[in-house]
C-alpha atoms as a PDB file:
ATOM      1  CA  MET A   1     -67.246  -6.926  71.779  1.00  0.00           C
ATOM      2  CA  ALA A   2     -69.692  -8.641  69.430  1.00  0.00           C
ATOM      3  CA  ILE A   3     -68.885  -7.844  65.822  1.00  0.00           C
ATOM      4  CA  ASP A   4     -71.961  -9.529  64.364  1.00  0.00           C
ATOM      5  CA  GLY A   5     -74.434  -9.047  67.164  1.00  0.00           C
ATOM      6  CA  LYS A   6     -74.116 -12.643  68.354  1.00  0.00           C
ATOM      7  CA  THR A   7     -70.483 -13.707  68.424  1.00  0.00           C
ATOM      8  CA  PRO A   8     -68.144 -12.040  70.946  1.00  0.00           C
ATOM      9  CA  GLU A   9     -64.513 -11.404  70.162  1.00  0.00           C
ATOM     10  CA  LYS A  10     -61.689 -12.851  72.212  1.00  0.00           C
ATOM     11  CA  GLU A  11     -58.853 -10.467  73.091  1.00  0.00           C
ATOM     12  CA  PHE A  12     -55.622 -11.677  74.693  1.00  0.00           C
ATOM     13  CA  ARG A  13     -52.974  -9.342  76.107  1.00  0.00           C
ATOM     14  CA  PHE A  14     -49.781 -11.294  76.641  1.00  0.00           C
ATOM     15  CA  SER A  15     -47.817 -11.224  79.864  1.00  0.00           C
ATOM     16  CA  ASP A  16     -44.913  -9.395  78.202  1.00  0.00           C
ATOM     17  CA  GLY A  17     -47.208  -6.377  77.893  1.00  0.00           C
ATOM     18  CA  CYS A  18     -46.112  -5.757  74.309  1.00  0.00           C
ATOM     19  CA  SER A  19     -48.248  -7.983  72.117  1.00  0.00           C
ATOM     20  CA  ARG A  20     -51.986  -8.171  71.579  1.00  0.00           C
ATOM     21  CA  LEU A  21     -54.140 -10.798  69.874  1.00  0.00           C
ATOM     22  CA  ILE A  22     -57.733 -10.251  68.782  1.00  0.00           C
ATOM     23  CA  ILE A  23     -59.717 -13.300  67.644  1.00  0.00           C
ATOM     24  CA  SER A  24     -62.964 -12.746  65.776  1.00  0.00           C
ATOM     25  CA  PRO A  25     -64.671 -16.170  65.805  1.00  0.00           C
ATOM     26  CA  GLY A  26     -67.610 -17.132  63.637  1.00  0.00           C
ATOM     27  CA  TYR A  27     -70.806 -18.800  64.763  1.00  0.00           C
ATOM     28  CA  ALA A  28     -69.537 -22.388  64.747  1.00  0.00           C
ATOM     29  CA  SER A  29     -66.062 -21.889  66.153  1.00  0.00           C
ATOM     30  CA  LEU A  30     -66.550 -20.443  69.641  1.00  0.00           C
ATOM     31  CA  SER A  31     -67.887 -23.585  71.340  1.00  0.00           C
ATOM     32  CA  ALA A  32     -65.034 -25.655  69.918  1.00  0.00           C
ATOM     33  CA  MET A  33     -62.524 -23.085  71.200  1.00  0.00           C
ATOM     34  CA  LYS A  34     -63.860 -23.396  74.759  1.00  0.00           C
ATOM     35  CA  LYS A  35     -63.270 -27.159  74.737  1.00  0.00           C
ATOM     36  CA  ASN A  36     -59.759 -26.939  73.302  1.00  0.00           C
ATOM     37  CA  SER A  37     -57.004 -27.518  75.888  1.00  0.00           C
ATOM     38  CA  THR A  38     -54.364 -25.718  73.814  1.00  0.00           C
ATOM     39  CA  LEU A  39     -56.183 -22.456  74.508  1.00  0.00           C
ATOM     40  CA  GLY A  40     -55.025 -22.732  78.101  1.00  0.00           C
ATOM     41  CA  GLN A  41     -51.496 -22.221  76.785  1.00  0.00           C
ATOM     42  CA  ILE A  42     -52.384 -19.525  74.244  1.00  0.00           C
ATOM     43  CA  ASP A  43     -50.245 -16.866  75.964  1.00  0.00           C
ATOM     44  CA  ARG A  44     -47.076 -18.952  75.960  1.00  0.00           C
ATOM     45  CA  ARG A  45     -47.635 -20.531  72.552  1.00  0.00           C
ATOM     46  CA  ALA A  46     -48.430 -17.225  70.870  1.00  0.00           C
ATOM     47  CA  ARG A  47     -45.347 -15.584  72.396  1.00  0.00           C
ATOM     48  CA  GLN A  48     -43.245 -18.474  71.109  1.00  0.00           C
ATOM     49  CA  ALA A  49     -44.713 -18.088  67.635  1.00  0.00           C
ATOM     50  CA  VAL A  50     -44.009 -14.346  67.675  1.00  0.00           C
ATOM     51  CA  ALA A  51     -40.399 -14.918  68.800  1.00  0.00           C
ATOM     52  CA  ARG A  52     -39.948 -17.545  66.088  1.00  0.00           C
ATOM     53  CA  TYR A  53     -41.281 -15.117  63.495  1.00  0.00           C
ATOM     54  CA  TRP A  54     -38.772 -12.383  64.332  1.00  0.00           C
ATOM     55  CA  GLY A  55     -35.905 -14.871  64.763  1.00  0.00           C
ATOM     56  CA  THR A  56     -36.564 -16.549  61.422  1.00  0.00           C
ATOM     57  CA  ARG A  57     -36.919 -13.243  59.645  1.00  0.00           C
ATOM     58  CA  LEU A  58     -33.637 -11.952  61.062  1.00  0.00           C
ATOM     59  CA  ALA A  59     -31.794 -15.186  60.210  1.00  0.00           C
ATOM     60  CA  GLN A  60     -33.047 -15.050  56.620  1.00  0.00           C
ATOM     61  CA  GLN A  61     -31.955 -11.451  56.191  1.00  0.00           C
ATOM     62  CA  ARG A  62     -28.490 -12.179  57.586  1.00  0.00           C
ATOM     63  CA  LYS A  63     -28.071 -15.227  55.344  1.00  0.00           C
ATOM     64  CA  GLN A  64     -28.941 -13.228  52.246  1.00  0.00           C
ATOM     65  CA  GLU A  65     -26.591 -10.453  53.266  1.00  0.00           C
ATOM     66  CA  GLU A  66     -23.753 -12.924  53.848  1.00  0.00           C
ATOM     67  CA  THR A  67     -24.235 -14.532  50.443  1.00  0.00           C
ATOM     68  CA  GLY A  68     -24.356 -11.136  48.744  1.00  0.00           C
ATOM     69  CA  ARG A  69     -27.848 -11.768  47.402  1.00  0.00           C
ATOM     70  CA  ALA A  70     -29.895  -9.597  49.718  1.00  0.00           C
ATOM     71  CA  ASP A  71     -33.268  -8.737  48.240  1.00  0.00           C
ATOM     72  CA  GLN A  72     -34.076  -5.140  47.551  1.00  0.00           C
ATOM     73  CA  GLY A  73     -35.300  -3.369  50.666  1.00  0.00           C
ATOM     74  CA  LEU A  74     -37.146  -5.688  53.038  1.00  0.00           C
ATOM     75  CA  ARG A  75     -38.296  -8.115  50.348  1.00  0.00           C
ATOM     76  CA  SER A  76     -36.284 -10.857  52.075  1.00  0.00           C
ATOM     77  CA  ALA A  77     -38.898 -10.896  54.813  1.00  0.00           C
ATOM     78  CA  VAL A  78     -41.424 -11.993  52.191  1.00  0.00           C
ATOM     79  CA  THR A  79     -39.440 -14.248  49.873  1.00  0.00           C
ATOM     80  CA  GLY A  80     -37.758 -16.252  52.635  1.00  0.00           C
ATOM     81  CA  GLY A  81     -40.927 -17.926  53.851  1.00  0.00           C
ATOM     82  CA  ALA A  82     -41.283 -19.946  57.080  1.00  0.00           C
ATOM     83  CA  GLN A  83     -41.718 -16.917  59.344  1.00  0.00           C
ATOM     84  CA  MET A  84     -45.265 -17.926  60.248  1.00  0.00           C
ATOM     85  CA  ASP A  85     -44.455 -21.593  60.978  1.00  0.00           C
ATOM     86  CA  GLY A  86     -44.834 -21.073  64.720  1.00  0.00           C
ATOM     87  CA  PHE A  87     -48.435 -20.035  64.201  1.00  0.00           C
ATOM     88  CA  VAL A  88     -49.065 -22.953  61.836  1.00  0.00           C
ATOM     89  CA  ASP A  89     -47.733 -25.264  64.578  1.00  0.00           C
ATOM     90  CA  LEU A  90     -50.199 -23.683  66.995  1.00  0.00           C
ATOM     91  CA  PHE A  91     -53.084 -24.111  64.547  1.00  0.00           C
ATOM     92  CA  THR A  92     -52.118 -27.755  64.086  1.00  0.00           C
ATOM     93  CA  ASP A  93     -52.233 -28.432  67.826  1.00  0.00           C
ATOM     94  CA  LEU A  94     -55.585 -26.652  68.162  1.00  0.00           C
ATOM     95  CA  ILE A  95     -57.004 -28.837  65.399  1.00  0.00           C
ATOM     96  CA  VAL A  96     -55.593 -32.063  66.869  1.00  0.00           C
ATOM     97  CA  ASP A  97     -57.034 -31.120  70.267  1.00  0.00           C
ATOM     98  CA  ALA A  98     -60.401 -30.699  68.568  1.00  0.00           C
ATOM     99  CA  GLY A  99     -60.289 -34.364  67.522  1.00  0.00           C
ATOM    100  CA  ILE A 100     -58.827 -34.314  64.005  1.00  0.00           C
ATOM    101  CA  THR A 101     -56.173 -36.953  63.304  1.00  0.00           C
ATOM    102  CA  GLU A 102     -52.887 -35.353  62.285  1.00  0.00           C
ATOM    103  CA  LYS A 103     -52.655 -37.359  59.045  1.00  0.00           C
ATOM    104  CA  TYR A 104     -55.519 -35.257  57.710  1.00  0.00           C
ATOM    105  CA  ILE A 105     -53.648 -31.994  58.361  1.00  0.00           C
ATOM    106  CA  PHE A 106     -51.549 -30.652  55.477  1.00  0.00           C
ATOM    107  CA  ARG A 107     -49.020 -27.899  56.172  1.00  0.00           C
ATOM    108  CA  LYS A 108     -45.870 -28.406  54.090  1.00  0.00           C
ATOM    109  CA  LYS A 109     -47.164 -29.972  50.870  1.00  0.00           C
ATOM    110  CA  ALA A 110     -50.401 -30.753  49.030  1.00  0.00           C
ATOM    111  CA  LEU A 111     -51.720 -27.299  49.982  1.00  0.00           C
ATOM    112  CA  GLN A 112     -53.460 -26.423  46.711  1.00  0.00           C
ATOM    113  CA  LEU A 113     -57.227 -26.018  46.419  1.00  0.00           C
ATOM    114  CA  PRO A 114     -59.104 -25.399  43.169  1.00  0.00           C
ATOM    115  CA  GLY A 115     -60.277 -21.879  42.455  1.00  0.00           C
ATOM    116  CA  PHE A 116     -62.955 -20.412  40.223  1.00  0.00           C
ATOM    117  CA  PHE A 117     -61.110 -17.369  38.881  1.00  0.00           C
ATOM    118  CA  ARG A 118     -57.733 -19.164  38.764  1.00  0.00           C
ATOM    119  CA  PRO A 119     -56.769 -22.834  38.604  1.00  0.00           C
ATOM    120  CA  THR A 120     -55.513 -23.223  42.177  1.00  0.00           C
ATOM    121  CA  LYS A 121     -54.626 -21.349  45.350  1.00  0.00           C
ATOM    122  CA  GLU A 122     -52.025 -22.566  47.864  1.00  0.00           C
ATOM    123  CA  TRP A 123     -53.066 -22.212  51.504  1.00  0.00           C
ATOM    124  CA  ASP A 124     -50.848 -22.329  54.592  1.00  0.00           C
ATOM    125  CA  LEU A 125     -52.757 -25.164  56.266  1.00  0.00           C
ATOM    126  CA  LEU A 126     -55.468 -27.519  55.084  1.00  0.00           C
ATOM    127  CA  VAL A 127     -57.558 -30.165  56.811  1.00  0.00           C
ATOM    128  CA  VAL A 128     -58.889 -32.717  54.315  1.00  0.00           C
ATOM    129  CA  GLU A 129     -60.508 -35.929  55.530  1.00  0.00           C
ATOM    130  CA  ASP A 130     -62.024 -38.546  53.200  1.00  0.00           C
ATOM    131  CA  ASN A 131     -62.238 -36.137  50.250  1.00  0.00           C
ATOM    132  CA  THR A 132     -63.911 -33.557  52.461  1.00  0.00           C
ATOM    133  CA  LEU A 133     -62.410 -30.112  53.001  1.00  0.00           C
ATOM    134  CA  VAL A 134     -62.733 -29.435  56.719  1.00  0.00           C
ATOM    135  CA  ALA A 135     -60.622 -26.275  57.011  1.00  0.00           C
ATOM    136  CA  ALA A 136     -58.344 -23.915  55.101  1.00  0.00           C
ATOM    137  CA  ILE A 137     -56.181 -21.371  56.949  1.00  0.00           C
ATOM    138  CA  GLU A 138     -54.024 -18.475  55.786  1.00  0.00           C
ATOM    139  CA  ALA A 139     -51.339 -16.748  57.914  1.00  0.00           C
ATOM    140  CA  LYS A 140     -49.867 -13.452  56.739  1.00  0.00           C
ATOM    141  CA  SER A 141     -47.760 -10.633  58.178  1.00  0.00           C
ATOM    142  CA  GLN A 142     -46.406  -7.177  57.455  1.00  0.00           C
ATOM    143  CA  VAL A 143     -43.550  -5.115  58.823  1.00  0.00           C
ATOM    144  CA  GLY A 144     -42.545  -1.520  58.091  1.00  0.00           C
ATOM    145  CA  PRO A 145     -41.659   0.833  56.717  1.00  0.00           C
ATOM    146  CA  SER A 146     -43.948   0.667  53.639  1.00  0.00           C
ATOM    147  CA  PHE A 147     -47.387   0.075  55.129  1.00  0.00           C
ATOM    148  CA  GLY A 148     -49.472   1.910  52.515  1.00  0.00           C
ATOM    149  CA  ASN A 149     -49.011  -0.128  49.341  1.00  0.00           C
ATOM    150  CA  ASN A 150     -48.671  -3.397  51.240  1.00  0.00           C
ATOM    151  CA  PHE A 151     -51.925  -2.772  53.091  1.00  0.00           C
ATOM    152  CA  ASN A 152     -53.824  -2.639  49.817  1.00  0.00           C
ATOM    153  CA  ASN A 153     -52.032  -5.733  48.510  1.00  0.00           C
ATOM    154  CA  ARG A 154     -52.717  -7.769  51.653  1.00  0.00           C
ATOM    155  CA  THR A 155     -56.379  -6.827  51.929  1.00  0.00           C
ATOM    156  CA  GLU A 156     -57.070  -7.442  48.243  1.00  0.00           C
ATOM    157  CA  GLU A 157     -55.266 -10.793  48.447  1.00  0.00           C
ATOM    158  CA  ALA A 158     -57.306 -11.971  51.449  1.00  0.00           C
ATOM    159  CA  MET A 159     -60.625 -10.891  49.975  1.00  0.00           C
ATOM    160  CA  GLY A 160     -59.768 -12.396  46.598  1.00  0.00           C
ATOM    161  CA  SER A 161     -58.748 -15.740  48.094  1.00  0.00           C
ATOM    162  CA  ALA A 162     -62.025 -16.002  49.989  1.00  0.00           C
ATOM    163  CA  LEU A 163     -64.116 -15.041  46.966  1.00  0.00           C
ATOM    164  CA  ASP A 164     -62.249 -17.531  44.784  1.00  0.00           C
ATOM    165  CA  LEU A 165     -62.709 -20.406  47.234  1.00  0.00           C
ATOM    166  CA  TRP A 166     -66.387 -19.777  48.021  1.00  0.00           C
ATOM    167  CA  THR A 167     -67.239 -19.427  44.336  1.00  0.00           C
ATOM    168  CA  ALA A 168     -65.412 -22.671  43.535  1.00  0.00           C
ATOM    169  CA  TYR A 169     -67.278 -24.278  46.446  1.00  0.00           C
ATOM    170  CA  ARG A 170     -70.606 -23.084  45.057  1.00  0.00           C
ATOM    171  CA  GLU A 171     -69.744 -24.536  41.663  1.00  0.00           C
ATOM    172  CA  GLY A 172     -68.989 -27.972  43.126  1.00  0.00           C
ATOM    173  CA  ALA A 173     -65.188 -27.949  42.937  1.00  0.00           C
ATOM    174  CA  LEU A 174     -64.925 -29.339  46.483  1.00  0.00           C
ATOM    175  CA  LEU A 175     -67.180 -32.290  45.696  1.00  0.00           C
ATOM    176  CA  ALA A 176     -69.654 -33.044  48.478  1.00  0.00           C
ATOM    177  CA  SER A 177     -67.813 -31.126  51.207  1.00  0.00           C
ATOM    178  CA  PRO A 178     -70.051 -29.319  53.696  1.00  0.00           C
ATOM    179  CA  GLN A 179     -69.203 -25.668  54.205  1.00  0.00           C
ATOM    180  CA  PRO A 180     -65.563 -25.640  55.405  1.00  0.00           C
ATOM    181  CA  PHE A 181     -63.953 -23.539  58.118  1.00  0.00           C
ATOM    182  CA  LEU A 182     -61.997 -20.670  56.560  1.00  0.00           C
ATOM    183  CA  GLY A 183     -59.449 -18.979  58.853  1.00  0.00           C
ATOM    184  CA  TYR A 184     -57.192 -15.936  58.496  1.00  0.00           C
ATOM    185  CA  LEU A 185     -54.430 -14.704  60.820  1.00  0.00           C
ATOM    186  CA  PHE A 186     -52.545 -11.458  60.321  1.00  0.00           C
ATOM    187  CA  MET A 187     -49.558 -10.203  62.310  1.00  0.00           C
ATOM    188  CA  LEU A 188     -48.537  -6.552  62.059  1.00  0.00           C
ATOM    189  CA  GLU A 189     -45.418  -4.841  63.354  1.00  0.00           C
ATOM    190  CA  ASP A 190     -46.267  -2.527  66.251  1.00  0.00           C
ATOM    191  CA  CYS A 191     -44.217   0.600  65.557  1.00  0.00           C
ATOM    192  CA  ALA A 192     -44.595   4.359  65.208  1.00  0.00           C
ATOM    193  CA  ALA A 193     -45.455   4.139  61.513  1.00  0.00           C
ATOM    194  CA  SER A 194     -48.208   1.545  61.990  1.00  0.00           C
ATOM    195  CA  ASN A 195     -49.763   3.554  64.860  1.00  0.00           C
ATOM    196  CA  LYS A 196     -49.690   6.933  63.101  1.00  0.00           C
ATOM    197  CA  PRO A 197     -53.062   8.300  61.925  1.00  0.00           C
ATOM    198  CA  VAL A 198     -53.383   8.140  58.145  1.00  0.00           C
ATOM    199  CA  LYS A 199     -55.158  10.786  56.099  1.00  0.00           C
ATOM    200  CA  VAL A 200     -57.767   9.601  53.610  1.00  0.00           C
ATOM    201  CA  ARG A 201     -58.485  11.277  50.273  1.00  0.00           C
ATOM    202  CA  GLU A 202     -62.139  11.937  49.509  1.00  0.00           C
ATOM    203  CA  PRO A 203     -62.290  13.763  46.150  1.00  0.00           C
ATOM    204  CA  HIS A 204     -65.813  12.580  45.297  1.00  0.00           C
ATOM    205  CA  PHE A 205     -67.468  10.693  48.153  1.00  0.00           C
ATOM    206  CA  LYS A 206     -67.002  10.359  51.895  1.00  0.00           C
ATOM    207  CA  VAL A 207     -65.333   7.237  53.284  1.00  0.00           C
ATOM    208  CA  PHE A 208     -66.944   5.329  56.143  1.00  0.00           C
ATOM    209  CA  PRO A 209     -66.353   7.234  59.406  1.00  0.00           C
ATOM    210  CA  GLU A 210     -64.353   4.443  61.077  1.00  0.00           C
ATOM    211  CA  PHE A 211     -61.566   4.983  58.525  1.00  0.00           C
ATOM    212  CA  VAL A 212     -61.152   8.716  59.165  1.00  0.00           C
ATOM    213  CA  GLY A 213     -57.844   9.231  60.968  1.00  0.00           C
ATOM    214  CA  ALA A 214     -57.379   5.481  61.442  1.00  0.00           C
ATOM    215  CA  SER A 215     -53.813   4.187  61.598  1.00  0.00           C
ATOM    216  CA  TYR A 216     -52.739   1.174  59.555  1.00  0.00           C
ATOM    217  CA  MET A 217     -52.995  -0.869  62.736  1.00  0.00           C
ATOM    218  CA  LYS A 218     -56.608   0.207  63.178  1.00  0.00           C
ATOM    219  CA  ARG A 219     -57.309  -0.399  59.484  1.00  0.00           C
ATOM    220  CA  TYR A 220     -56.040  -3.976  59.752  1.00  0.00           C
ATOM    221  CA  GLU A 221     -58.096  -4.565  62.893  1.00  0.00           C
ATOM    222  CA  LEU A 222     -61.214  -3.295  61.144  1.00  0.00           C
ATOM    223  CA  PHE A 223     -60.391  -5.400  58.110  1.00  0.00           C
ATOM    224  CA  CYS A 224     -60.150  -8.616  60.112  1.00  0.00           C
ATOM    225  CA  ARG A 225     -63.406  -7.873  61.914  1.00  0.00           C
ATOM    226  CA  LYS A 226     -65.239  -7.140  58.682  1.00  0.00           C
ATOM    227  CA  LEU A 227     -63.988 -10.312  57.005  1.00  0.00           C
ATOM    228  CA  VAL A 228     -65.987 -12.242  59.623  1.00  0.00           C
ATOM    229  CA  LEU A 229     -68.891  -9.795  59.689  1.00  0.00           C
ATOM    230  CA  GLU A 230     -69.385 -10.274  55.946  1.00  0.00           C
ATOM    231  CA  ARG A 231     -68.770 -14.034  56.253  1.00  0.00           C
ATOM    232  CA  HIS A 232     -65.795 -14.130  53.940  1.00  0.00           C
ATOM    233  CA  TYR A 233     -63.904 -16.014  56.676  1.00  0.00           C
ATOM    234  CA  THR A 234     -65.277 -18.147  59.491  1.00  0.00           C
ATOM    235  CA  SER A 235     -62.774 -16.718  61.981  1.00  0.00           C
ATOM    236  CA  THR A 236     -59.918 -14.210  61.938  1.00  0.00           C
ATOM    237  CA  ALA A 237     -57.117 -13.294  64.339  1.00  0.00           C
ATOM    238  CA  PHE A 238     -55.138 -10.044  64.316  1.00  0.00           C
ATOM    239  CA  ILE A 239     -51.912  -9.787  66.315  1.00  0.00           C
ATOM    240  CA  THR A 240     -49.496  -6.898  66.797  1.00  0.00           C
ATOM    241  CA  SER A 241     -45.863  -7.221  67.867  1.00  0.00           C
ATOM    242  CA  ASP A 242     -42.887  -4.972  68.504  1.00  0.00           C
ATOM    243  CA  ARG A 243     -39.776  -6.236  66.688  1.00  0.00           C
ATOM    244  CA  VAL A 244     -37.526  -5.506  69.679  1.00  0.00           C
ATOM    245  CA  ARG A 245     -39.715  -6.436  72.651  1.00  0.00           C
ATOM    246  CA  GLY A 246     -41.787  -9.122  70.920  1.00  0.00           C
END
C-alpha cells in the first residue's frame, strides 16, 4: 500500500505466525533499505528483538517483586527501561550496513538534542557525524490492560517530539545539518483488549471515518502511517506481538 501516493509500505509477517511488522518508509529511505544486507535477516532479527523485549520486561518485574519495591500496576514495564534494546541493536546494524561508522552512532549516552519548546529531548538512538545530525530514532511500546490513556500519552509524545525537533531545526539549533532522518518504532501487545473495537464520542463534530469502530491496534497503525504522511517522521514501523507466543 502507498500511504503518500508514491512510497509503498513494507509489511513483514514473521515465520512464527504471531507477529507483524509494518514499515512506512519516507521518500529517501526505501532505496537505502533495498541495499541493506541486514534486511535479509529481518525476520530472525525482529523475532529476537521481540523475545528480548518480553524477557527483559519479565525479568524486571520479577526483580522488583523480589525486592519488595514493585511499581504500582504495570509501571515497572515503563520505569525499568532496556526493553527495546534489541530493536536499537537492529537499527544500529542497519545503519552500519548503510555505510555509517559505528563511532558516530550514539545509543547509551550523549542522546540529547536541543528542542525549541524545551531545552533538550533524549532520543533512543542518534547518528551524529562531524557536527551533523544524520538520524534520530525513537522506540516505544505499550502493553495492556490500560490502552486508552496510554494511547493518548504515546501519540501526543511522538507528535510533540517531532514538532520540537523540526522547529529547533528551523531555528538553526542543529547548526548546518541537512534535514536529518527521523524514525519512530512502536510495538503493541497483541491481545483481546488491543483488538477490541473502541467506541468514539462525537458530542459536537464527527470524527474521521477511519476511526469509527477502530481498535487500539488499528488506531496505532493509522497513527504511524499518518506520521509519515504528514512528514513528521521520515519513516515509521509498527509491530504487534503476543506476550505468550511472541
